[in-house]
Amino acid sequence: MIKMTVRAAQEVKSLVTSKSLPETTILRVDARPVQGKNELRLTLKLDTKEPEPDDVVESTAGTRLAIDETVAAALGDMKLDFSEDSGNFIFERPEPTA
């Protein structure tokens, strides 16, 4: 499952406010295969629709992140953060534990 940091949630709220979107807007994560490679391209989008029945929904600091349950299972555990230095959202895998 993708967990969103408080910093990422605050940035989503800021984007929602700056674009005058409804407070119920969710951050949707999507994944598409990269042609000819064994990898996925992750995309983020602000979505004003309610989550789909087969979505996994994570809430952090009042901000909801939605991802299709099949995509969530394929990705495994990840963290979505926001870098103030680069101004980008960043996906990170947790460090393996011994």
PDB file of N, CA and C in Angstrom:
ATOM      1  N   MET A   1       0.835  -1.188   0.000  1.00  0.00           N
ATOM      2  CA  MET A   1       0.000   0.000   0.000  1.00  0.00           C
ATOM      3  C   MET A   1       0.873   1.242   0.000  1.00  0.00           C
ATOM      4  N   ILE A   2       0.417   2.263  -0.643  1.00  0.00           N
ATOM      5  CA  ILE A   2       1.136   3.534  -0.649  1.00  0.00           C
ATOM      6  C   ILE A   2       0.654   4.373   0.527  1.00  0.00           C
ATOM      7  N   LYS A   3       1.579   4.781   1.356  1.00  0.00           N
ATOM      8  CA  LYS A   3       1.298   5.673   2.478  1.00  0.00           C
ATOM      9  C   LYS A   3       1.772   7.068   2.092  1.00  0.00           C
ATOM     10  N   MET A   4       0.959   8.060   2.389  1.00  0.00           N
ATOM     11  CA  MET A   4       1.299   9.435   2.073  1.00  0.00           C
ATOM     12  C   MET A   4       1.814  10.133   3.332  1.00  0.00           C
ATOM     13  N   THR A   5       2.911  10.878   3.194  1.00  0.00           N
ATOM     14  CA  THR A   5       3.424  11.627   4.334  1.00  0.00           C
ATOM     15  C   THR A   5       2.562  12.865   4.575  1.00  0.00           C
ATOM     16  N   VAL A   6       2.676  13.419   5.761  1.00  0.00           N
ATOM     17  CA  VAL A   6       1.942  14.646   6.088  1.00  0.00           C
ATOM     18  C   VAL A   6       2.366  15.768   5.147  1.00  0.00           C
ATOM     19  N   ARG A   7       3.658  15.851   4.835  1.00  0.00           N
ATOM     20  CA  ARG A   7       4.160  16.889   3.921  1.00  0.00           C
ATOM     21  C   ARG A   7       3.503  16.765   2.544  1.00  0.00           C
ATOM     22  N   ALA A   8       3.361  15.533   2.030  1.00  0.00           N
ATOM     23  CA  ALA A   8       2.701  15.314   0.743  1.00  0.00           C
ATOM     24  C   ALA A   8       1.220  15.688   0.832  1.00  0.00           C
ATOM     25  N   ALA A   9       0.572  15.303   1.925  1.00  0.00           N
ATOM     26  CA  ALA A   9      -0.848  15.626   2.113  1.00  0.00           C
ATOM     27  C   ALA A   9      -1.059  17.140   2.142  1.00  0.00           C
ATOM     28  N   GLN A  10      -0.170  17.853   2.806  1.00  0.00           N
ATOM     29  CA  GLN A  10      -0.287  19.314   2.863  1.00  0.00           C
ATOM     30  C   GLN A  10      -0.119  19.933   1.488  1.00  0.00           C
ATOM     31  N   GLU A  11       0.778  19.384   0.669  1.00  0.00           N
ATOM     32  CA  GLU A  11       0.976  19.905  -0.680  1.00  0.00           C
ATOM     33  C   GLU A  11      -0.251  19.640  -1.551  1.00  0.00           C
ATOM     34  N   VAL A  12      -0.858  18.465  -1.390  1.00  0.00           N
ATOM     35  CA  VAL A  12      -2.091  18.166  -2.133  1.00  0.00           C
ATOM     36  C   VAL A  12      -3.175  19.168  -1.740  1.00  0.00           C
ATOM     37  N   LYS A  13      -3.337  19.414  -0.442  1.00  0.00           N
ATOM     38  CA  LYS A  13      -4.334  20.403   0.011  1.00  0.00           C
ATOM     39  C   LYS A  13      -4.066  21.772  -0.601  1.00  0.00           C
ATOM     40  N   SER A  14      -2.799  22.160  -0.660  1.00  0.00           N
ATOM     41  CA  SER A  14      -2.427  23.437  -1.239  1.00  0.00           C
ATOM     42  C   SER A  14      -2.796  23.500  -2.726  1.00  0.00           C
ATOM     43  N   LEU A  15      -2.537  22.422  -3.452  1.00  0.00           N
ATOM     44  CA  LEU A  15      -2.889  22.363  -4.878  1.00  0.00           C
ATOM     45  C   LEU A  15      -4.399  22.433  -5.079  1.00  0.00           C
ATOM     46  N   VAL A  16      -5.135  21.704  -4.251  1.00  0.00           N
ATOM     47  CA  VAL A  16      -6.599  21.698  -4.338  1.00  0.00           C
ATOM     48  C   VAL A  16      -7.138  23.114  -4.125  1.00  0.00           C
ATOM     49  N   THR A  17      -6.601  23.801  -3.121  1.00  0.00           N
ATOM     50  CA  THR A  17      -7.040  25.162  -2.822  1.00  0.00           C
ATOM     51  C   THR A  17      -6.679  26.114  -3.958  1.00  0.00           C
ATOM     52  N   SER A  18      -5.452  26.028  -4.462  1.00  0.00           N
ATOM     53  CA  SER A  18      -5.005  26.949  -5.511  1.00  0.00           C
ATOM     54  C   SER A  18      -5.767  26.757  -6.818  1.00  0.00           C
ATOM     55  N   LYS A  19      -6.278  25.552  -7.054  1.00  0.00           N
ATOM     56  CA  LYS A  19      -7.045  25.272  -8.272  1.00  0.00           C
ATOM     57  C   LYS A  19      -8.554  25.400  -8.044  1.00  0.00           C
ATOM     58  N   SER A  20      -8.935  25.843  -6.845  1.00  0.00           N
ATOM     59  CA  SER A  20     -10.355  26.012  -6.480  1.00  0.00           C
ATOM     60  C   SER A  20     -11.162  24.736  -6.699  1.00  0.00           C
ATOM     61  N   LEU A  21     -10.567  23.603  -6.346  1.00  0.00           N
ATOM     62  CA  LEU A  21     -11.259  22.322  -6.449  1.00  0.00           C
ATOM     63  C   LEU A  21     -11.998  22.039  -5.149  1.00  0.00           C
ATOM     64  N   PRO A  22     -12.997  21.156  -5.178  1.00  0.00           N
ATOM     65  CA  PRO A  22     -13.721  20.823  -3.951  1.00  0.00           C
ATOM     66  C   PRO A  22     -12.791  20.197  -2.908  1.00  0.00           C
ATOM     67  N   GLU A  23     -13.087  20.420  -1.643  1.00  0.00           N
ATOM     68  CA  GLU A  23     -12.282  19.860  -0.556  1.00  0.00           C
ATOM     69  C   GLU A  23     -12.275  18.332  -0.564  1.00  0.00           C
ATOM     70  N   THR A  24     -13.265  17.728  -1.217  1.00  0.00           N
ATOM     71  CA  THR A  24     -13.361  16.265  -1.275  1.00  0.00           C
ATOM     72  C   THR A  24     -12.480  15.662  -2.368  1.00  0.00           C
ATOM     73  N   THR A  25     -11.737  16.493  -3.094  1.00  0.00           N
ATOM     74  CA  THR A  25     -10.856  16.023  -4.168  1.00  0.00           C
ATOM     75  C   THR A  25      -9.846  15.022  -3.606  1.00  0.00           C
ATOM     76  N   ILE A  26      -9.618  13.948  -4.360  1.00  0.00           N
ATOM     77  CA  ILE A  26      -8.651  12.927  -3.946  1.00  0.00           C
ATOM     78  C   ILE A  26      -7.429  12.976  -4.858  1.00  0.00           C
ATOM     79  N   LEU A  27      -6.332  12.437  -4.364  1.00  0.00           N
ATOM     80  CA  LEU A  27      -5.140  12.251  -5.182  1.00  0.00           C
ATOM     81  C   LEU A  27      -5.171  10.818  -5.679  1.00  0.00           C
ATOM     82  N   ARG A  28      -5.229  10.648  -6.992  1.00  0.00           N
ATOM     83  CA  ARG A  28      -5.308   9.316  -7.583  1.00  0.00           C
ATOM     84  C   ARG A  28      -3.941   8.917  -8.124  1.00  0.00           C
ATOM     85  N   VAL A  29      -3.524   7.700  -7.761  1.00  0.00           N
ATOM     86  CA  VAL A  29      -2.283   7.117  -8.273  1.00  0.00           C
ATOM     87  C   VAL A  29      -2.663   6.104  -9.337  1.00  0.00           C
ATOM     88  N   ASP A  30      -2.015   6.186 -10.488  1.00  0.00           N
ATOM     89  CA  ASP A  30      -2.247   5.221 -11.555  1.00  0.00           C
ATOM     90  C   ASP A  30      -0.894   4.683 -11.997  1.00  0.00           C
ATOM     91  N   ALA A  31      -0.891   3.506 -12.557  1.00  0.00           N
ATOM     92  CA  ALA A  31       0.348   2.891 -13.042  1.00  0.00           C
ATOM     93  C   ALA A  31       0.095   2.270 -14.403  1.00  0.00           C
ATOM     94  N   ARG A  32       1.031   2.499 -15.295  1.00  0.00           N
ATOM     95  CA  ARG A  32       0.969   1.933 -16.640  1.00  0.00           C
ATOM     96  C   ARG A  32       2.317   1.284 -16.947  1.00  0.00           C
ATOM     97  N   PRO A  33       2.304   0.142 -17.656  1.00  0.00           N
ATOM     98  CA  PRO A  33       3.573  -0.481 -18.019  1.00  0.00           C
ATOM     99  C   PRO A  33       4.324   0.398 -19.024  1.00  0.00           C
ATOM    100  N   VAL A  34       5.642   0.402 -18.921  1.00  0.00           N
ATOM    101  CA  VAL A  34       6.493   1.096 -19.876  1.00  0.00           C
ATOM    102  C   VAL A  34       6.821   0.104 -20.980  1.00  0.00           C
ATOM    103  N   GLN A  35       6.494   0.474 -22.217  1.00  0.00           N
ATOM    104  CA  GLN A  35       6.667  -0.436 -23.340  1.00  0.00           C
ATOM    105  C   GLN A  35       8.131  -0.863 -23.484  1.00  0.00           C
ATOM    106  N   GLY A  36       8.335  -2.169 -23.577  1.00  0.00           N
ATOM    107  CA  GLY A  36       9.656  -2.714 -23.793  1.00  0.00           C
ATOM    108  C   GLY A  36      10.523  -2.791 -22.543  1.00  0.00           C
ATOM    109  N   LYS A  37       9.946  -2.437 -21.387  1.00  0.00           N
ATOM    110  CA  LYS A  37      10.720  -2.474 -20.146  1.00  0.00           C
ATOM    111  C   LYS A  37       9.916  -3.182 -19.070  1.00  0.00           C
ATOM    112  N   ASN A  38      10.600  -3.687 -18.089  1.00  0.00           N
ATOM    113  CA  ASN A  38       9.950  -4.351 -16.966  1.00  0.00           C
ATOM    114  C   ASN A  38       9.766  -3.343 -15.831  1.00  0.00           C
ATOM    115  N   GLU A  39       9.005  -2.294 -16.104  1.00  0.00           N
ATOM    116  CA  GLU A  39       8.765  -1.263 -15.095  1.00  0.00           C
ATOM    117  C   GLU A  39       7.418  -0.603 -15.325  1.00  0.00           C
ATOM    118  N   LEU A  40       6.975   0.113 -14.307  1.00  0.00           N
ATOM    119  CA  LEU A  40       5.705   0.835 -14.372  1.00  0.00           C
ATOM    120  C   LEU A  40       5.958   2.337 -14.294  1.00  0.00           C
ATOM    121  N   ARG A  41       5.166   3.101 -15.007  1.00  0.00           N
ATOM    122  CA  ARG A  41       5.201   4.551 -14.900  1.00  0.00           C
ATOM    123  C   ARG A  41       4.032   4.966 -14.008  1.00  0.00           C
ATOM    124  N   LEU A  42       4.350   5.599 -12.891  1.00  0.00           N
ATOM    125  CA  LEU A  42       3.327   6.050 -11.950  1.00  0.00           C
ATOM    126  C   LEU A  42       2.930   7.482 -12.275  1.00  0.00           C
ATOM    127  N   THR A  43       1.635   7.737 -12.221  1.00  0.00           N
ATOM    128  CA  THR A  43       1.140   9.091 -12.434  1.00  0.00           C
ATOM    129  C   THR A  43       0.232   9.487 -11.273  1.00  0.00           C
ATOM    130  N   LEU A  44       0.176  10.766 -11.032  1.00  0.00           N
ATOM    131  CA  LEU A  44      -0.687  11.336 -10.002  1.00  0.00           C
ATOM    132  C   LEU A  44      -1.654  12.297 -10.654  1.00  0.00           C
ATOM    133  N   LYS A  45      -2.880  12.293 -10.172  1.00  0.00           N
ATOM    134  CA  LYS A  45      -3.837  13.271 -10.683  1.00  0.00           C
ATOM    135  C   LYS A  45      -4.829  13.622  -9.582  1.00  0.00           C
ATOM    136  N   LEU A  46      -5.254  14.874  -9.597  1.00  0.00           N
ATOM    137  CA  LEU A  46      -6.307  15.313  -8.683  1.00  0.00           C
ATOM    138  C   LEU A  46      -7.629  14.903  -9.297  1.00  0.00           C
ATOM    139  N   ASP A  47      -8.449  14.219  -8.529  1.00  0.00           N
ATOM    140  CA  ASP A  47      -9.695  13.648  -9.035  1.00  0.00           C
ATOM    141  C   ASP A  47     -10.855  14.137  -8.166  1.00  0.00           C
ATOM    142  N   THR A  48     -11.831  14.759  -8.790  1.00  0.00           N
ATOM    143  CA  THR A  48     -12.975  15.288  -8.044  1.00  0.00           C
ATOM    144  C   THR A  48     -14.076  14.242  -7.871  1.00  0.00           C
ATOM    145  N   LYS A  49     -13.908  13.057  -8.503  1.00  0.00           N
ATOM    146  CA  LYS A  49     -14.893  11.989  -8.336  1.00  0.00           C
ATOM    147  C   LYS A  49     -14.589  11.198  -7.074  1.00  0.00           C
ATOM    148  N   GLU A  50     -15.591  10.543  -6.563  1.00  0.00           N
ATOM    149  CA  GLU A  50     -15.410   9.678  -5.402  1.00  0.00           C
ATOM    150  C   GLU A  50     -14.607   8.443  -5.816  1.00  0.00           C
ATOM    151  N   PRO A  51     -13.886   7.828  -4.880  1.00  0.00           N
ATOM    152  CA  PRO A  51     -13.142   6.612  -5.208  1.00  0.00           C
ATOM    153  C   PRO A  51     -14.059   5.524  -5.757  1.00  0.00           C
ATOM    154  N   GLU A  52     -13.492   4.680  -6.612  1.00  0.00           N
ATOM    155  CA  GLU A  52     -14.210   3.547  -7.188  1.00  0.00           C
ATOM    156  C   GLU A  52     -14.320   2.443  -6.130  1.00  0.00           C
ATOM    157  N   PRO A  53     -15.296   1.528  -6.272  1.00  0.00           N
ATOM    158  CA  PRO A  53     -15.448   0.447  -5.289  1.00  0.00           C
ATOM    159  C   PRO A  53     -14.203  -0.430  -5.140  1.00  0.00           C
ATOM    160  N   ASP A  54     -13.405  -0.586  -6.223  1.00  0.00           N
ATOM    161  CA  ASP A  54     -12.218  -1.440  -6.131  1.00  0.00           C
ATOM    162  C   ASP A  54     -10.946  -0.643  -5.829  1.00  0.00           C
ATOM    163  N   ASP A  55     -11.093   0.582  -5.348  1.00  0.00           N
ATOM    164  CA  ASP A  55      -9.943   1.396  -4.937  1.00  0.00           C
ATOM    165  C   ASP A  55      -9.571   1.122  -3.492  1.00  0.00           C
ATOM    166  N   VAL A  56      -8.293   1.196  -3.211  1.00  0.00           N
ATOM    167  CA  VAL A  56      -7.785   1.227  -1.845  1.00  0.00           C
ATOM    168  C   VAL A  56      -7.593   2.700  -1.531  1.00  0.00           C
ATOM    169  N   VAL A  57      -8.126   3.152  -0.402  1.00  0.00           N
ATOM    170  CA  VAL A  57      -8.065   4.568  -0.046  1.00  0.00           C
ATOM    171  C   VAL A  57      -7.272   4.734   1.242  1.00  0.00           C
ATOM    172  N   GLU A  58      -6.317   5.629   1.202  1.00  0.00           N
ATOM    173  CA  GLU A  58      -5.474   5.963   2.355  1.00  0.00           C
ATOM    174  C   GLU A  58      -5.721   7.430   2.695  1.00  0.00           C
ATOM    175  N   SER A  59      -5.928   7.727   3.960  1.00  0.00           N
ATOM    176  CA  SER A  59      -6.130   9.113   4.390  1.00  0.00           C
ATOM    177  C   SER A  59      -4.977   9.554   5.279  1.00  0.00           C
ATOM    178  N   THR A  60      -4.460  10.737   4.984  1.00  0.00           N
ATOM    179  CA  THR A  60      -3.402  11.334   5.790  1.00  0.00           C
ATOM    180  C   THR A  60      -3.721  12.809   5.951  1.00  0.00           C
ATOM    181  N   ALA A  61      -3.810  13.256   7.184  1.00  0.00           N
ATOM    182  CA  ALA A  61      -4.036  14.676   7.493  1.00  0.00           C
ATOM    183  C   ALA A  61      -5.215  15.251   6.707  1.00  0.00           C
ATOM    184  N   GLY A  62      -6.278  14.452   6.572  1.00  0.00           N
ATOM    185  CA  GLY A  62      -7.481  14.919   5.893  1.00  0.00           C
ATOM    186  C   GLY A  62      -7.425  14.864   4.378  1.00  0.00           C
ATOM    187  N   THR A  63      -6.350  14.316   3.813  1.00  0.00           N
ATOM    188  CA  THR A  63      -6.214  14.189   2.361  1.00  0.00           C
ATOM    189  C   THR A  63      -6.301  12.711   2.001  1.00  0.00           C
ATOM    190  N   ARG A  64      -7.101  12.405   0.974  1.00  0.00           N
ATOM    191  CA  ARG A  64      -7.275  11.009   0.566  1.00  0.00           C
ATOM    192  C   ARG A  64      -6.468  10.695  -0.686  1.00  0.00           C
ATOM    193  N   LEU A  65      -5.831   9.532  -0.674  1.00  0.00           N
ATOM    194  CA  LEU A  65      -5.104   8.997  -1.814  1.00  0.00           C
ATOM    195  C   LEU A  65      -5.841   7.732  -2.226  1.00  0.00           C
ATOM    196  N   ALA A  66      -6.131   7.583  -3.514  1.00  0.00           N
ATOM    197  CA  ALA A  66      -6.836   6.397  -4.003  1.00  0.00           C
ATOM    198  C   ALA A  66      -6.006   5.705  -5.065  1.00  0.00           C
ATOM    199  N   ILE A  67      -6.018   4.379  -5.009  1.00  0.00           N
ATOM    200  CA  ILE A  67      -5.303   3.568  -5.992  1.00  0.00           C
ATOM    201  C   ILE A  67      -6.088   2.278  -6.192  1.00  0.00           C
ATOM    202  N   ASP A  68      -6.175   1.842  -7.430  1.00  0.00           N
ATOM    203  CA  ASP A  68      -6.852   0.589  -7.743  1.00  0.00           C
ATOM    204  C   ASP A  68      -6.188  -0.535  -6.949  1.00  0.00           C
ATOM    205  N   GLU A  69      -7.005  -1.430  -6.382  1.00  0.00           N
ATOM    206  CA  GLU A  69      -6.459  -2.478  -5.509  1.00  0.00           C
ATOM    207  C   GLU A  69      -5.464  -3.387  -6.228  1.00  0.00           C
ATOM    208  N   THR A  70      -5.660  -3.637  -7.524  1.00  0.00           N
ATOM    209  CA  THR A  70      -4.726  -4.471  -8.288  1.00  0.00           C
ATOM    210  C   THR A  70      -3.381  -3.773  -8.436  1.00  0.00           C
ATOM    211  N   VAL A  71      -3.412  -2.478  -8.725  1.00  0.00           N
ATOM    212  CA  VAL A  71      -2.177  -1.695  -8.846  1.00  0.00           C
ATOM    213  C   VAL A  71      -1.482  -1.624  -7.491  1.00  0.00           C
ATOM    214  N   ALA A  72      -2.257  -1.408  -6.430  1.00  0.00           N
ATOM    215  CA  ALA A  72      -1.685  -1.333  -5.076  1.00  0.00           C
ATOM    216  C   ALA A  72      -0.967  -2.632  -4.725  1.00  0.00           C
ATOM    217  N   ALA A  73      -1.571  -3.760  -5.064  1.00  0.00           N
ATOM    218  CA  ALA A  73      -0.953  -5.052  -4.766  1.00  0.00           C
ATOM    219  C   ALA A  73       0.333  -5.242  -5.571  1.00  0.00           C
ATOM    220  N   ALA A  74       0.333  -4.794  -6.825  1.00  0.00           N
ATOM    221  CA  ALA A  74       1.527  -4.935  -7.672  1.00  0.00           C
ATOM    222  C   ALA A  74       2.675  -4.062  -7.178  1.00  0.00           C
ATOM    223  N   LEU A  75       2.355  -2.888  -6.651  1.00  0.00           N
ATOM    224  CA  LEU A  75       3.394  -1.963  -6.199  1.00  0.00           C
ATOM    225  C   LEU A  75       3.959  -2.334  -4.834  1.00  0.00           C
ATOM    226  N   GLY A  76       3.152  -2.927  -3.983  1.00  0.00           N
ATOM    227  CA  GLY A  76       3.609  -3.248  -2.638  1.00  0.00           C
ATOM    228  C   GLY A  76       3.686  -1.995  -1.776  1.00  0.00           C
ATOM    229  N   ASP A  77       4.506  -2.060  -0.744  1.00  0.00           N
ATOM    230  CA  ASP A  77       4.623  -0.942   0.195  1.00  0.00           C
ATOM    231  C   ASP A  77       5.498   0.159  -0.377  1.00  0.00           C
ATOM    232  N   MET A  78       4.949   1.370  -0.383  1.00  0.00           N
ATOM    233  CA  MET A  78       5.677   2.543  -0.838  1.00  0.00           C
ATOM    234  C   MET A  78       5.241   3.743  -0.005  1.00  0.00           C
ATOM    235  N   LYS A  79       6.063   4.773  -0.039  1.00  0.00           N
ATOM    236  CA  LYS A  79       5.732   6.025   0.633  1.00  0.00           C
ATOM    237  C   LYS A  79       5.721   7.120  -0.420  1.00  0.00           C
ATOM    238  N   LEU A  80       4.710   7.994  -0.353  1.00  0.00           N
ATOM    239  CA  LEU A  80       4.637   9.157  -1.227  1.00  0.00           C
ATOM    240  C   LEU A  80       4.970  10.381  -0.386  1.00  0.00           C
ATOM    241  N   ASP A  81       6.027  11.065  -0.768  1.00  0.00           N
ATOM    242  CA  ASP A  81       6.462  12.254  -0.042  1.00  0.00           C
ATOM    243  C   ASP A  81       6.507  13.426  -1.013  1.00  0.00           C
ATOM    244  N   PHE A  82       6.755  14.607  -0.488  1.00  0.00           N
ATOM    245  CA  PHE A  82       6.916  15.796  -1.315  1.00  0.00           C
ATOM    246  C   PHE A  82       8.239  16.449  -0.961  1.00  0.00           C
ATOM    247  N   SER A  83       9.034  16.748  -1.985  1.00  0.00           N
ATOM    248  CA  SER A  83      10.323  17.406  -1.779  1.00  0.00           C
ATOM    249  C   SER A  83      10.173  18.900  -2.027  1.00  0.00           C
ATOM    250  N   GLU A  84      10.389  19.679  -0.997  1.00  0.00           N
ATOM    251  CA  GLU A  84      10.333  21.132  -1.159  1.00  0.00           C
ATOM    252  C   GLU A  84      11.507  21.624  -1.992  1.00  0.00           C
ATOM    253  N   ASP A  85      12.648  20.914  -1.946  1.00  0.00           N
ATOM    254  CA  ASP A  85      13.820  21.300  -2.736  1.00  0.00           C
ATOM    255  C   ASP A  85      13.541  21.228  -4.232  1.00  0.00           C
ATOM    256  N   SER A  86      12.941  20.112  -4.677  1.00  0.00           N
ATOM    257  CA  SER A  86      12.688  19.930  -6.114  1.00  0.00           C
ATOM    258  C   SER A  86      11.284  20.354  -6.528  1.00  0.00           C
ATOM    259  N   GLY A  87      10.371  20.465  -5.553  1.00  0.00           N
ATOM    260  CA  GLY A  87       8.990  20.791  -5.880  1.00  0.00           C
ATOM    261  C   GLY A  87       8.244  19.627  -6.506  1.00  0.00           C
ATOM    262  N   ASN A  88       8.706  18.400  -6.247  1.00  0.00           N
ATOM    263  CA  ASN A  88       8.113  17.202  -6.840  1.00  0.00           C
ATOM    264  C   ASN A  88       7.636  16.229  -5.774  1.00  0.00           C
ATOM    265  N   PHE A  89       6.625  15.450  -6.149  1.00  0.00           N
ATOM    266  CA  PHE A  89       6.225  14.314  -5.325  1.00  0.00           C
ATOM    267  C   PHE A  89       7.209  13.185  -5.615  1.00  0.00           C
ATOM    268  N   ILE A  90       7.539  12.413  -4.582  1.00  0.00           N
ATOM    269  CA  ILE A  90       8.539  11.360  -4.707  1.00  0.00           C
ATOM    270  C   ILE A  90       7.993  10.060  -4.118  1.00  0.00           C
ATOM    271  N   PHE A  91       8.096   8.976  -4.879  1.00  0.00           N
ATOM    272  CA  PHE A  91       7.754   7.645  -4.377  1.00  0.00           C
ATOM    273  C   PHE A  91       9.022   7.013  -3.826  1.00  0.00           C
ATOM    274  N   GLU A  92       8.925   6.445  -2.635  1.00  0.00           N
ATOM    275  CA  GLU A  92      10.074   5.797  -2.010  1.00  0.00           C
ATOM    276  C   GLU A  92       9.651   4.428  -1.493  1.00  0.00           C
ATOM    277  N   ARG A  93      10.557   3.476  -1.595  1.00  0.00           N
ATOM    278  CA  ARG A  93      10.343   2.157  -0.999  1.00  0.00           C
ATOM    279  C   ARG A  93      10.979   2.170   0.376  1.00  0.00           C
ATOM    280  N   PRO A  94      10.332   1.545   1.369  1.00  0.00           N
ATOM    281  CA  PRO A  94      10.942   1.483   2.696  1.00  0.00           C
ATOM    282  C   PRO A  94      12.222   0.677   2.674  1.00  0.00           C
ATOM    283  N   GLU A  95      13.132   1.030   3.563  1.00  0.00           N
ATOM    284  CA  GLU A  95      14.382   0.279   3.685  1.00  0.00           C
ATOM    285  C   GLU A  95      14.060  -1.126   4.181  1.00  0.00           C
ATOM    286  N   PRO A  96      14.697  -2.130   3.598  1.00  0.00           N
ATOM    287  CA  PRO A  96      14.452  -3.498   4.078  1.00  0.00           C
ATOM    288  C   PRO A  96      14.956  -3.648   5.503  1.00  0.00           C
ATOM    289  N   THR A  97      14.214  -4.418   6.294  1.00  0.00           N
ATOM    290  CA  THR A  97      14.625  -4.674   7.673  1.00  0.00           C
ATOM    291  C   THR A  97      15.261  -6.057   7.749  1.00  0.00           C
ATOM    292  N   ALA A  98      16.230  -6.164   8.623  1.00  0.00           N
ATOM    293  CA  ALA A  98      16.963  -7.435   8.741  1.00  0.00           C
ATOM    294  C   ALA A  98      16.190  -8.436   9.547  1.00  0.00           C
TER     295      ALA A  98
END
